[in-house]
């Protein structure tokens, strides 16, 4: 049983999700992202959340379950706010991140 897969992905206000033709598309204030859906996992949009469940009881379906839920969550986060991966991997685009990046590059060239 996947502990991550059990949790539904919340769809925040300003973000819309759509499933059609084997593709999940998520649109938000920062753009649109989409991904192809795995046949081993069932995806369902229920109001303000997306649920991901294994399509059958095979080991392959159960192993895809948690990863696919994480990918869906990353799509939703990606259209909600931009990610800047330089320096601190948890650093979302902000003035603090820009300062951290400047400090890191200053150390590189010192």
PDB file of N, CA and C in Angstrom:
ATOM      1  N   UNK A   1       0.830  -1.173   0.000  1.00  0.00           N
ATOM      2  CA  UNK A   1       0.000   0.000   0.000  1.00  0.00           C
ATOM      3  C   UNK A   1       0.877   1.241   0.000  1.00  0.00           C
ATOM      4  N   UNK A   2       0.645   2.131  -0.891  1.00  0.00           N
ATOM      5  CA  UNK A   2       1.408   3.362  -0.977  1.00  0.00           C
ATOM      6  C   UNK A   2       0.801   4.420  -0.065  1.00  0.00           C
ATOM      7  N   UNK A   3       1.599   4.890   0.897  1.00  0.00           N
ATOM      8  CA  UNK A   3       1.094   5.943   1.781  1.00  0.00           C
ATOM      9  C   UNK A   3       0.956   7.261   1.026  1.00  0.00           C
ATOM     10  N   UNK A   4       1.866   7.499   0.102  1.00  0.00           N
ATOM     11  CA  UNK A   4       1.791   8.722  -0.699  1.00  0.00           C
ATOM     12  C   UNK A   4       0.604   8.650  -1.651  1.00  0.00           C
ATOM     13  N   UNK A   5       0.409   7.520  -2.284  1.00  0.00           N
ATOM     14  CA  UNK A   5      -0.661   7.368  -3.265  1.00  0.00           C
ATOM     15  C   UNK A   5      -2.053   7.508  -2.680  1.00  0.00           C
ATOM     16  N   UNK A   6      -2.206   7.204  -1.389  1.00  0.00           N
ATOM     17  CA  UNK A   6      -3.527   7.298  -0.758  1.00  0.00           C
ATOM     18  C   UNK A   6      -4.030   8.736  -0.644  1.00  0.00           C
ATOM     19  N   UNK A   7      -3.107   9.695  -0.553  1.00  0.00           N
ATOM     20  CA  UNK A   7      -3.495  11.086  -0.350  1.00  0.00           C
ATOM     21  C   UNK A   7      -3.953  11.707  -1.672  1.00  0.00           C
ATOM     22  N   UNK A   8      -5.128  12.314  -1.696  1.00  0.00           N
ATOM     23  CA  UNK A   8      -5.548  13.017  -2.919  1.00  0.00           C
ATOM     24  C   UNK A   8      -4.737  14.297  -3.093  1.00  0.00           C
ATOM     25  N   UNK A   9      -4.596  14.742  -4.330  1.00  0.00           N
ATOM     26  CA  UNK A   9      -3.901  15.990  -4.631  1.00  0.00           C
ATOM     27  C   UNK A   9      -4.942  17.100  -4.678  1.00  0.00           C
ATOM     28  N   UNK A  10      -4.788  18.083  -3.800  1.00  0.00           N
ATOM     29  CA  UNK A  10      -5.728  19.201  -3.745  1.00  0.00           C
ATOM     30  C   UNK A  10      -5.503  20.130  -4.934  1.00  0.00           C
ATOM     31  N   UNK A  11      -6.589  20.604  -5.512  1.00  0.00           N
ATOM     32  CA  UNK A  11      -6.514  21.577  -6.604  1.00  0.00           C
ATOM     33  C   UNK A  11      -6.836  22.944  -6.001  1.00  0.00           C
ATOM     34  N   UNK A  12      -5.841  23.826  -5.862  1.00  0.00           N
ATOM     35  CA  UNK A  12      -6.097  25.133  -5.246  1.00  0.00           C
ATOM     36  C   UNK A  12      -6.923  26.041  -6.153  1.00  0.00           C
ATOM     37  N   UNK A  13      -7.450  27.114  -5.582  1.00  0.00           N
ATOM     38  CA  UNK A  13      -8.230  28.056  -6.383  1.00  0.00           C
ATOM     39  C   UNK A  13      -7.318  28.699  -7.427  1.00  0.00           C
ATOM     40  N   UNK A  14      -7.842  28.923  -8.598  1.00  0.00           N
ATOM     41  CA  UNK A  14      -7.066  29.490  -9.700  1.00  0.00           C
ATOM     42  C   UNK A  14      -6.394  28.437 -10.562  1.00  0.00           C
ATOM     43  N   UNK A  15      -6.529  27.171 -10.190  1.00  0.00           N
ATOM     44  CA  UNK A  15      -5.926  26.067 -10.950  1.00  0.00           C
ATOM     45  C   UNK A  15      -7.051  25.154 -11.429  1.00  0.00           C
ATOM     46  N   UNK A  16      -6.987  24.747 -12.698  1.00  0.00           N
ATOM     47  CA  UNK A  16      -7.963  23.814 -13.242  1.00  0.00           C
ATOM     48  C   UNK A  16      -7.238  22.596 -13.789  1.00  0.00           C
ATOM     49  N   UNK A  17      -7.886  21.449 -13.678  1.00  0.00           N
ATOM     50  CA  UNK A  17      -7.317  20.203 -14.186  1.00  0.00           C
ATOM     51  C   UNK A  17      -8.314  19.541 -15.121  1.00  0.00           C
ATOM     52  N   UNK A  18      -7.785  18.856 -16.152  1.00  0.00           N
ATOM     53  CA  UNK A  18      -8.636  18.236 -17.158  1.00  0.00           C
ATOM     54  C   UNK A  18      -7.972  16.952 -17.634  1.00  0.00           C
ATOM     55  N   UNK A  19      -8.740  15.870 -17.728  1.00  0.00           N
ATOM     56  CA  UNK A  19      -8.235  14.603 -18.254  1.00  0.00           C
ATOM     57  C   UNK A  19      -8.956  14.318 -19.563  1.00  0.00           C
ATOM     58  N   UNK A  20      -8.179  14.168 -20.642  1.00  0.00           N
ATOM     59  CA  UNK A  20      -8.764  13.770 -21.918  1.00  0.00           C
ATOM     60  C   UNK A  20      -7.696  13.130 -22.796  1.00  0.00           C
ATOM     61  N   UNK A  21      -8.096  12.083 -23.500  1.00  0.00           N
ATOM     62  CA  UNK A  21      -7.243  11.368 -24.442  1.00  0.00           C
ATOM     63  C   UNK A  21      -5.918  10.923 -23.834  1.00  0.00           C
ATOM     64  N   UNK A  22      -5.961  10.397 -22.606  1.00  0.00           N
ATOM     65  CA  UNK A  22      -4.760   9.871 -21.976  1.00  0.00           C
ATOM     66  C   UNK A  22      -3.765  10.917 -21.517  1.00  0.00           C
ATOM     67  N   UNK A  23      -4.223  12.156 -21.339  1.00  0.00           N
ATOM     68  CA  UNK A  23      -3.350  13.244 -20.905  1.00  0.00           C
ATOM     69  C   UNK A  23      -4.019  14.028 -19.788  1.00  0.00           C
ATOM     70  N   UNK A  24      -3.247  14.334 -18.752  1.00  0.00           N
ATOM     71  CA  UNK A  24      -3.711  15.212 -17.682  1.00  0.00           C
ATOM     72  C   UNK A  24      -3.119  16.583 -17.926  1.00  0.00           C
ATOM     73  N   UNK A  25      -3.971  17.587 -18.075  1.00  0.00           N
ATOM     74  CA  UNK A  25      -3.539  18.972 -18.279  1.00  0.00           C
ATOM     75  C   UNK A  25      -3.945  19.787 -17.071  1.00  0.00           C
ATOM     76  N   UNK A  26      -3.004  20.575 -16.565  1.00  0.00           N
ATOM     77  CA  UNK A  26      -3.260  21.427 -15.412  1.00  0.00           C
ATOM     78  C   UNK A  26      -2.918  22.851 -15.821  1.00  0.00           C
ATOM     79  N   UNK A  27      -3.866  23.768 -15.609  1.00  0.00           N
ATOM     80  CA  UNK A  27      -3.674  25.158 -15.998  1.00  0.00           C
ATOM     81  C   UNK A  27      -3.809  26.037 -14.761  1.00  0.00           C
ATOM     82  N   UNK A  28      -2.866  26.973 -14.625  1.00  0.00           N
ATOM     83  CA  UNK A  28      -2.884  27.861 -13.472  1.00  0.00           C
ATOM     84  C   UNK A  28      -2.310  29.214 -13.814  1.00  0.00           C
ATOM     85  N   UNK A  29      -2.070  30.052 -12.800  1.00  0.00           N
ATOM     86  CA  UNK A  29      -1.583  31.403 -13.046  1.00  0.00           C
ATOM     87  C   UNK A  29      -0.186  31.457 -13.660  1.00  0.00           C
ATOM     88  N   UNK A  30       0.608  30.424 -13.508  1.00  0.00           N
ATOM     89  CA  UNK A  30       1.974  30.417 -14.042  1.00  0.00           C
ATOM     90  C   UNK A  30       2.112  29.644 -15.345  1.00  0.00           C
ATOM     91  N   UNK A  31       0.987  29.191 -15.927  1.00  0.00           N
ATOM     92  CA  UNK A  31       1.056  28.509 -17.211  1.00  0.00           C
ATOM     93  C   UNK A  31       0.285  27.204 -17.220  1.00  0.00           C
ATOM     94  N   UNK A  32       0.583  26.374 -18.202  1.00  0.00           N
ATOM     95  CA  UNK A  32      -0.080  25.086 -18.371  1.00  0.00           C
ATOM     96  C   UNK A  32       0.965  23.987 -18.446  1.00  0.00           C
ATOM     97  N   UNK A  33       0.722  22.896 -17.743  1.00  0.00           N
ATOM     98  CA  UNK A  33       1.584  21.716 -17.798  1.00  0.00           C
ATOM     99  C   UNK A  33       0.713  20.504 -18.075  1.00  0.00           C
ATOM    100  N   UNK A  34       1.286  19.509 -18.735  1.00  0.00           N
ATOM    101  CA  UNK A  34       0.536  18.284 -18.994  1.00  0.00           C
ATOM    102  C   UNK A  34       1.471  17.087 -18.948  1.00  0.00           C
ATOM    103  N   UNK A  35       0.881  15.918 -18.733  1.00  0.00           N
ATOM    104  CA  UNK A  35       1.651  14.682 -18.720  1.00  0.00           C
ATOM    105  C   UNK A  35       0.786  13.552 -19.251  1.00  0.00           C
ATOM    106  N   UNK A  36       1.441  12.574 -19.847  1.00  0.00           N
ATOM    107  CA  UNK A  36       0.738  11.387 -20.300  1.00  0.00           C
ATOM    108  C   UNK A  36       0.395  10.508 -19.117  1.00  0.00           C
ATOM    109  N   UNK A  37      -0.755   9.845 -19.179  1.00  0.00           N
ATOM    110  CA  UNK A  37      -1.208   9.024 -18.072  1.00  0.00           C
ATOM    111  C   UNK A  37      -0.808   7.570 -18.258  1.00  0.00           C
ATOM    112  N   UNK A  38      -0.440   6.936 -17.172  1.00  0.00           N
ATOM    113  CA  UNK A  38      -0.061   5.525 -17.183  1.00  0.00           C
ATOM    114  C   UNK A  38      -1.311   4.653 -17.232  1.00  0.00           C
ATOM    115  N   UNK A  39      -1.255   3.560 -17.984  1.00  0.00           N
ATOM    116  CA  UNK A  39      -2.380   2.629 -18.044  1.00  0.00           C
ATOM    117  C   UNK A  39      -2.505   1.797 -16.769  1.00  0.00           C
ATOM    118  N   UNK A  40      -1.459   1.781 -15.954  1.00  0.00           N
ATOM    119  CA  UNK A  40      -1.463   0.987 -14.731  1.00  0.00           C
ATOM    120  C   UNK A  40      -2.161   1.689 -13.569  1.00  0.00           C
ATOM    121  N   UNK A  41      -2.508   2.956 -13.764  1.00  0.00           N
ATOM    122  CA  UNK A  41      -3.087   3.765 -12.689  1.00  0.00           C
ATOM    123  C   UNK A  41      -4.349   4.458 -13.187  1.00  0.00           C
ATOM    124  N   UNK A  42      -5.373   4.546 -12.321  1.00  0.00           N
ATOM    125  CA  UNK A  42      -6.607   5.271 -12.634  1.00  0.00           C
ATOM    126  C   UNK A  42      -6.538   6.655 -12.007  1.00  0.00           C
ATOM    127  N   UNK A  43      -6.906   7.668 -12.764  1.00  0.00           N
ATOM    128  CA  UNK A  43      -6.905   9.051 -12.314  1.00  0.00           C
ATOM    129  C   UNK A  43      -8.347   9.548 -12.333  1.00  0.00           C
ATOM    130  N   UNK A  44      -8.725  10.322 -11.317  1.00  0.00           N
ATOM    131  CA  UNK A  44     -10.094  10.825 -11.254  1.00  0.00           C
ATOM    132  C   UNK A  44     -10.081  12.218 -10.633  1.00  0.00           C
ATOM    133  N   UNK A  45     -10.781  13.150 -11.272  1.00  0.00           N
ATOM    134  CA  UNK A  45     -10.910  14.494 -10.737  1.00  0.00           C
ATOM    135  C   UNK A  45     -12.256  14.578 -10.027  1.00  0.00           C
ATOM    136  N   UNK A  46     -12.208  14.779  -8.701  1.00  0.00           N
ATOM    137  CA  UNK A  46     -13.408  14.880  -7.877  1.00  0.00           C
ATOM    138  C   UNK A  46     -13.487  16.278  -7.284  1.00  0.00           C
ATOM    139  N   UNK A  47     -14.159  17.177  -7.957  1.00  0.00           N
ATOM    140  CA  UNK A  47     -14.315  18.531  -7.435  1.00  0.00           C
ATOM    141  C   UNK A  47     -12.985  19.255  -7.305  1.00  0.00           C
ATOM    142  N   UNK A  48     -12.513  19.403  -6.075  1.00  0.00           N
ATOM    143  CA  UNK A  48     -11.297  20.168  -5.809  1.00  0.00           C
ATOM    144  C   UNK A  48     -10.085  19.283  -5.530  1.00  0.00           C
ATOM    145  N   UNK A  49     -10.111  18.022  -5.990  1.00  0.00           N
ATOM    146  CA  UNK A  49      -8.960  17.146  -5.777  1.00  0.00           C
ATOM    147  C   UNK A  49      -8.849  16.100  -6.877  1.00  0.00           C
ATOM    148  N   UNK A  50      -7.630  15.611  -7.044  1.00  0.00           N
ATOM    149  CA  UNK A  50      -7.346  14.560  -8.014  1.00  0.00           C
ATOM    150  C   UNK A  50      -6.936  13.327  -7.227  1.00  0.00           C
ATOM    151  N   UNK A  51      -7.609  12.219  -7.485  1.00  0.00           N
ATOM    152  CA  UNK A  51      -7.248  10.969  -6.818  1.00  0.00           C
ATOM    153  C   UNK A  51      -6.564  10.047  -7.812  1.00  0.00           C
ATOM    154  N   UNK A  52      -5.606   9.292  -7.307  1.00  0.00           N
ATOM    155  CA  UNK A  52      -4.844   8.350  -8.115  1.00  0.00           C
ATOM    156  C   UNK A  52      -4.933   6.994  -7.433  1.00  0.00           C
ATOM    157  N   UNK A  53      -5.327   5.969  -8.175  1.00  0.00           N
ATOM    158  CA  UNK A  53      -5.458   4.621  -7.617  1.00  0.00           C
ATOM    159  C   UNK A  53      -4.900   3.610  -8.614  1.00  0.00           C
ATOM    160  N   UNK A  54      -4.355   2.483  -8.127  1.00  0.00           N
ATOM    161  CA  UNK A  54      -3.878   1.462  -9.062  1.00  0.00           C
ATOM    162  C   UNK A  54      -5.044   0.875  -9.855  1.00  0.00           C
ATOM    163  N   UNK A  55      -4.816   0.611 -11.131  1.00  0.00           N
ATOM    164  CA  UNK A  55      -5.875   0.093 -11.999  1.00  0.00           C
ATOM    165  C   UNK A  55      -6.196  -1.371 -11.687  1.00  0.00           C
ATOM    166  N   UNK A  56      -5.201  -2.105 -11.191  1.00  0.00           N
ATOM    167  CA  UNK A  56      -5.417  -3.502 -10.824  1.00  0.00           C
ATOM    168  C   UNK A  56      -4.493  -3.834  -9.650  1.00  0.00           C
ATOM    169  N   UNK A  57      -4.452  -5.080  -9.255  1.00  0.00           N
ATOM    170  CA  UNK A  57      -3.701  -5.457  -8.063  1.00  0.00           C
ATOM    171  C   UNK A  57      -2.324  -6.049  -8.384  1.00  0.00           C
ATOM    172  N   UNK A  58      -1.781  -5.722  -9.540  1.00  0.00           N
ATOM    173  CA  UNK A  58      -0.454  -6.237  -9.878  1.00  0.00           C
ATOM    174  C   UNK A  58       0.638  -5.435  -9.177  1.00  0.00           C
ATOM    175  N   UNK A  59       1.801  -6.032  -9.068  1.00  0.00           N
ATOM    176  CA  UNK A  59       2.926  -5.362  -8.422  1.00  0.00           C
ATOM    177  C   UNK A  59       3.329  -4.107  -9.207  1.00  0.00           C
ATOM    178  N   UNK A  60       3.289  -4.178 -10.520  1.00  0.00           N
ATOM    179  CA  UNK A  60       3.655  -3.034 -11.364  1.00  0.00           C
ATOM    180  C   UNK A  60       2.698  -1.855 -11.139  1.00  0.00           C
ATOM    181  N   UNK A  61       1.401  -2.133 -11.037  1.00  0.00           N
ATOM    182  CA  UNK A  61       0.420  -1.064 -10.822  1.00  0.00           C
ATOM    183  C   UNK A  61       0.630  -0.422  -9.458  1.00  0.00           C
ATOM    184  N   UNK A  62       0.883  -1.232  -8.448  1.00  0.00           N
ATOM    185  CA  UNK A  62       1.101  -0.686  -7.108  1.00  0.00           C
ATOM    186  C   UNK A  62       2.391   0.122  -7.042  1.00  0.00           C
ATOM    187  N   UNK A  63       3.407  -0.287  -7.805  1.00  0.00           N
ATOM    188  CA  UNK A  63       4.671   0.452  -7.771  1.00  0.00           C
ATOM    189  C   UNK A  63       4.576   1.785  -8.520  1.00  0.00           C
ATOM    190  N   UNK A  64       3.706   1.885  -9.506  1.00  0.00           N
ATOM    191  CA  UNK A  64       3.498   3.145 -10.234  1.00  0.00           C
ATOM    192  C   UNK A  64       2.625   4.130  -9.463  1.00  0.00           C
ATOM    193  N   UNK A  65       1.816   3.635  -8.569  1.00  0.00           N
ATOM    194  CA  UNK A  65       0.802   4.417  -7.883  1.00  0.00           C
ATOM    195  C   UNK A  65       1.361   5.650  -7.173  1.00  0.00           C
ATOM    196  N   UNK A  66       2.296   5.482  -6.281  1.00  0.00           N
ATOM    197  CA  UNK A  66       2.852   6.597  -5.518  1.00  0.00           C
ATOM    198  C   UNK A  66       3.596   7.588  -6.397  1.00  0.00           C
ATOM    199  N   UNK A  67       4.353   7.067  -7.360  1.00  0.00           N
ATOM    200  CA  UNK A  67       5.117   7.946  -8.248  1.00  0.00           C
ATOM    201  C   UNK A  67       4.196   8.791  -9.115  1.00  0.00           C
ATOM    202  N   UNK A  68       3.139   8.201  -9.634  1.00  0.00           N
ATOM    203  CA  UNK A  68       2.208   8.954 -10.472  1.00  0.00           C
ATOM    204  C   UNK A  68       1.489  10.026  -9.656  1.00  0.00           C
ATOM    205  N   UNK A  69       1.155   9.724  -8.403  1.00  0.00           N
ATOM    206  CA  UNK A  69       0.524  10.718  -7.538  1.00  0.00           C
ATOM    207  C   UNK A  69       1.482  11.885  -7.302  1.00  0.00           C
ATOM    208  N   UNK A  70       2.764  11.592  -7.111  1.00  0.00           N
ATOM    209  CA  UNK A  70       3.768  12.637  -6.912  1.00  0.00           C
ATOM    210  C   UNK A  70       3.926  13.486  -8.166  1.00  0.00           C
ATOM    211  N   UNK A  71       3.902  12.873  -9.329  1.00  0.00           N
ATOM    212  CA  UNK A  71       4.000  13.625 -10.582  1.00  0.00           C
ATOM    213  C   UNK A  71       2.797  14.556 -10.761  1.00  0.00           C
ATOM    214  N   UNK A  72       1.604  14.073 -10.411  1.00  0.00           N
ATOM    215  CA  UNK A  72       0.403  14.911 -10.499  1.00  0.00           C
ATOM    216  C   UNK A  72       0.537  16.090  -9.537  1.00  0.00           C
ATOM    217  N   UNK A  73       1.005  15.837  -8.328  1.00  0.00           N
ATOM    218  CA  UNK A  73       1.201  16.897  -7.348  1.00  0.00           C
ATOM    219  C   UNK A  73       2.199  17.935  -7.851  1.00  0.00           C
ATOM    220  N   UNK A  74       3.267  17.486  -8.489  1.00  0.00           N
ATOM    221  CA  UNK A  74       4.265  18.404  -9.040  1.00  0.00           C
ATOM    222  C   UNK A  74       3.689  19.263 -10.168  1.00  0.00           C
ATOM    223  N   UNK A  75       2.799  18.700 -10.971  1.00  0.00           N
ATOM    224  CA  UNK A  75       2.137  19.492 -12.018  1.00  0.00           C
ATOM    225  C   UNK A  75       1.333  20.626 -11.393  1.00  0.00           C
ATOM    226  N   UNK A  76       0.566  20.301 -10.367  1.00  0.00           N
ATOM    227  CA  UNK A  76      -0.283  21.304  -9.720  1.00  0.00           C
ATOM    228  C   UNK A  76       0.585  22.394  -9.093  1.00  0.00           C
ATOM    229  N   UNK A  77       1.654  22.007  -8.404  1.00  0.00           N
ATOM    230  CA  UNK A  77       2.544  22.997  -7.793  1.00  0.00           C
ATOM    231  C   UNK A  77       3.252  23.842  -8.853  1.00  0.00           C
ATOM    232  N   UNK A  78       3.607  23.225  -9.968  1.00  0.00           N
ATOM    233  CA  UNK A  78       4.324  23.934 -11.024  1.00  0.00           C
ATOM    234  C   UNK A  78       3.528  25.042 -11.690  1.00  0.00           C
ATOM    235  N   UNK A  79       2.220  24.876 -11.784  1.00  0.00           N
ATOM    236  CA  UNK A  79       1.409  25.936 -12.391  1.00  0.00           C
ATOM    237  C   UNK A  79       0.937  26.947 -11.349  1.00  0.00           C
ATOM    238  N   UNK A  80       1.096  26.611 -10.094  1.00  0.00           N
ATOM    239  CA  UNK A  80       0.667  27.506  -9.018  1.00  0.00           C
ATOM    240  C   UNK A  80       1.763  28.506  -8.660  1.00  0.00           C
ATOM    241  N   UNK A  81       3.000  28.054  -8.602  1.00  0.00           N
ATOM    242  CA  UNK A  81       4.117  28.952  -8.305  1.00  0.00           C
ATOM    243  C   UNK A  81       5.375  28.440  -8.983  1.00  0.00           C
ATOM    244  N   UNK A  82       6.212  29.364  -9.407  1.00  0.00           N
ATOM    245  CA  UNK A  82       7.425  29.007 -10.127  1.00  0.00           C
ATOM    246  C   UNK A  82       8.481  28.467  -9.182  1.00  0.00           C
ATOM    247  N   UNK A  83       9.291  27.560  -9.663  1.00  0.00           N
ATOM    248  CA  UNK A  83      10.359  26.952  -8.884  1.00  0.00           C
ATOM    249  C   UNK A  83      11.697  27.397  -9.440  1.00  0.00           C
ATOM    250  N   UNK A  84      12.582  27.807  -8.552  1.00  0.00           N
ATOM    251  CA  UNK A  84      13.936  28.175  -8.970  1.00  0.00           C
ATOM    252  C   UNK A  84      14.879  27.187  -8.313  1.00  0.00           C
ATOM    253  N   UNK A  85      15.534  26.377  -9.102  1.00  0.00           N
ATOM    254  CA  UNK A  85      16.328  25.283  -8.572  1.00  0.00           C
ATOM    255  C   UNK A  85      17.757  25.619  -8.233  1.00  0.00           C
ATOM    256  N   UNK A  86      18.214  26.843  -8.374  1.00  0.00           N
ATOM    257  CA  UNK A  86      19.602  27.177  -8.072  1.00  0.00           C
ATOM    258  C   UNK A  86      19.804  27.242  -6.564  1.00  0.00           C
ATOM    259  N   UNK A  87      20.850  26.623  -6.090  1.00  0.00           N
ATOM    260  CA  UNK A  87      21.165  26.688  -4.665  1.00  0.00           C
ATOM    261  C   UNK A  87      20.281  25.775  -3.854  1.00  0.00           C
ATOM    262  N   UNK A  88      19.386  26.346  -3.092  1.00  0.00           N
ATOM    263  CA  UNK A  88      18.531  25.595  -2.184  1.00  0.00           C
ATOM    264  C   UNK A  88      17.401  24.929  -2.973  1.00  0.00           C
ATOM    265  N   UNK A  89      17.302  23.598  -2.912  1.00  0.00           N
ATOM    266  CA  UNK A  89      16.290  22.900  -3.701  1.00  0.00           C
ATOM    267  C   UNK A  89      14.867  23.152  -3.208  1.00  0.00           C
ATOM    268  N   UNK A  90      14.686  23.707  -2.034  1.00  0.00           N
ATOM    269  CA  UNK A  90      13.357  24.033  -1.529  1.00  0.00           C
ATOM    270  C   UNK A  90      13.033  25.521  -1.694  1.00  0.00           C
ATOM    271  N   UNK A  91      13.820  26.222  -2.459  1.00  0.00           N
ATOM    272  CA  UNK A  91      13.726  27.676  -2.549  1.00  0.00           C
ATOM    273  C   UNK A  91      12.772  28.077  -3.676  1.00  0.00           C
ATOM    274  N   UNK A  92      11.598  28.587  -3.313  1.00  0.00           N
ATOM    275  CA  UNK A  92      10.655  29.059  -4.317  1.00  0.00           C
ATOM    276  C   UNK A  92      11.029  30.478  -4.706  1.00  0.00           C
ATOM    277  N   UNK A  93      10.652  30.886  -5.876  1.00  0.00           N
ATOM    278  CA  UNK A  93      11.023  32.176  -6.428  1.00  0.00           C
ATOM    279  C   UNK A  93      10.616  33.309  -5.472  1.00  0.00           C
ATOM    280  N   UNK A  94      11.612  33.971  -4.912  1.00  0.00           N
ATOM    281  CA  UNK A  94      11.357  35.070  -3.986  1.00  0.00           C
ATOM    282  C   UNK A  94      12.622  35.906  -3.862  1.00  0.00           C
ATOM    283  N   UNK A  95      12.527  37.002  -3.147  1.00  0.00           N
ATOM    284  CA  UNK A  95      13.704  37.848  -2.939  1.00  0.00           C
ATOM    285  C   UNK A  95      14.761  37.109  -2.136  1.00  0.00           C
ATOM    286  N   UNK A  96      14.328  36.302  -1.182  1.00  0.00           N
ATOM    287  CA  UNK A  96      15.272  35.555  -0.363  1.00  0.00           C
ATOM    288  C   UNK A  96      16.098  34.611  -1.239  1.00  0.00           C
ATOM    289  N   UNK A  97      15.460  33.948  -2.184  1.00  0.00           N
ATOM    290  CA  UNK A  97      16.170  33.030  -3.077  1.00  0.00           C
ATOM    291  C   UNK A  97      17.172  33.780  -3.943  1.00  0.00           C
ATOM    292  N   UNK A  98      16.782  34.947  -4.432  1.00  0.00           N
ATOM    293  CA  UNK A  98      17.690  35.726  -5.264  1.00  0.00           C
ATOM    294  C   UNK A  98      18.927  36.112  -4.457  1.00  0.00           C
ATOM    295  N   UNK A  99      18.730  36.429  -3.181  1.00  0.00           N
ATOM    296  CA  UNK A  99      19.862  36.756  -2.323  1.00  0.00           C
ATOM    297  C   UNK A  99      20.759  35.566  -2.083  1.00  0.00           C
ATOM    298  N   UNK A 100      20.186  34.388  -1.898  1.00  0.00           N
ATOM    299  CA  UNK A 100      20.966  33.174  -1.698  1.00  0.00           C
ATOM    300  C   UNK A 100      21.776  32.849  -2.944  1.00  0.00           C
ATOM    301  N   UNK A 101      21.166  33.029  -4.099  1.00  0.00           N
ATOM    302  CA  UNK A 101      21.855  32.749  -5.354  1.00  0.00           C
ATOM    303  C   UNK A 101      23.025  33.724  -5.541  1.00  0.00           C
ATOM    304  N   UNK A 102      22.825  34.989  -5.209  1.00  0.00           N
ATOM    305  CA  UNK A 102      23.890  35.986  -5.347  1.00  0.00           C
ATOM    306  C   UNK A 102      25.050  35.665  -4.408  1.00  0.00           C
ATOM    307  N   UNK A 103      24.740  35.239  -3.190  1.00  0.00           N
ATOM    308  CA  UNK A 103      25.786  34.869  -2.238  1.00  0.00           C
ATOM    309  C   UNK A 103      26.566  33.671  -2.742  1.00  0.00           C
ATOM    310  N   UNK A 104      25.858  32.687  -3.290  1.00  0.00           N
ATOM    311  CA  UNK A 104      26.517  31.487  -3.796  1.00  0.00           C
ATOM    312  C   UNK A 104      27.444  31.812  -4.960  1.00  0.00           C
ATOM    313  N   UNK A 105      26.996  32.664  -5.886  1.00  0.00           N
ATOM    314  CA  UNK A 105      27.831  33.004  -7.028  1.00  0.00           C
ATOM    315  C   UNK A 105      29.012  33.884  -6.599  1.00  0.00           C
ATOM    316  N   UNK A 106      28.828  34.716  -5.557  1.00  0.00           N
ATOM    317  CA  UNK A 106      29.931  35.549  -5.051  1.00  0.00           C
ATOM    318  C   UNK A 106      31.025  34.661  -4.471  1.00  0.00           C
ATOM    319  N   UNK A 107      30.641  33.583  -3.786  1.00  0.00           N
ATOM    320  CA  UNK A 107      31.634  32.650  -3.241  1.00  0.00           C
ATOM    321  C   UNK A 107      32.366  31.916  -4.365  1.00  0.00           C
ATOM    322  N   UNK A 108      31.674  31.648  -5.455  1.00  0.00           N
ATOM    323  CA  UNK A 108      32.278  30.937  -6.574  1.00  0.00           C
ATOM    324  C   UNK A 108      33.398  31.766  -7.206  1.00  0.00           C
ATOM    325  N   UNK A 109      33.167  33.050  -7.347  1.00  0.00           N
ATOM    326  CA  UNK A 109      34.115  33.907  -8.055  1.00  0.00           C
ATOM    327  C   UNK A 109      35.098  34.608  -7.117  1.00  0.00           C
ATOM    328  N   UNK A 110      35.023  34.363  -5.831  1.00  0.00           N
ATOM    329  CA  UNK A 110      35.935  35.021  -4.876  1.00  0.00           C
ATOM    330  C   UNK A 110      37.289  34.352  -4.855  1.00  0.00           C
TER     331      UNK A 110
END
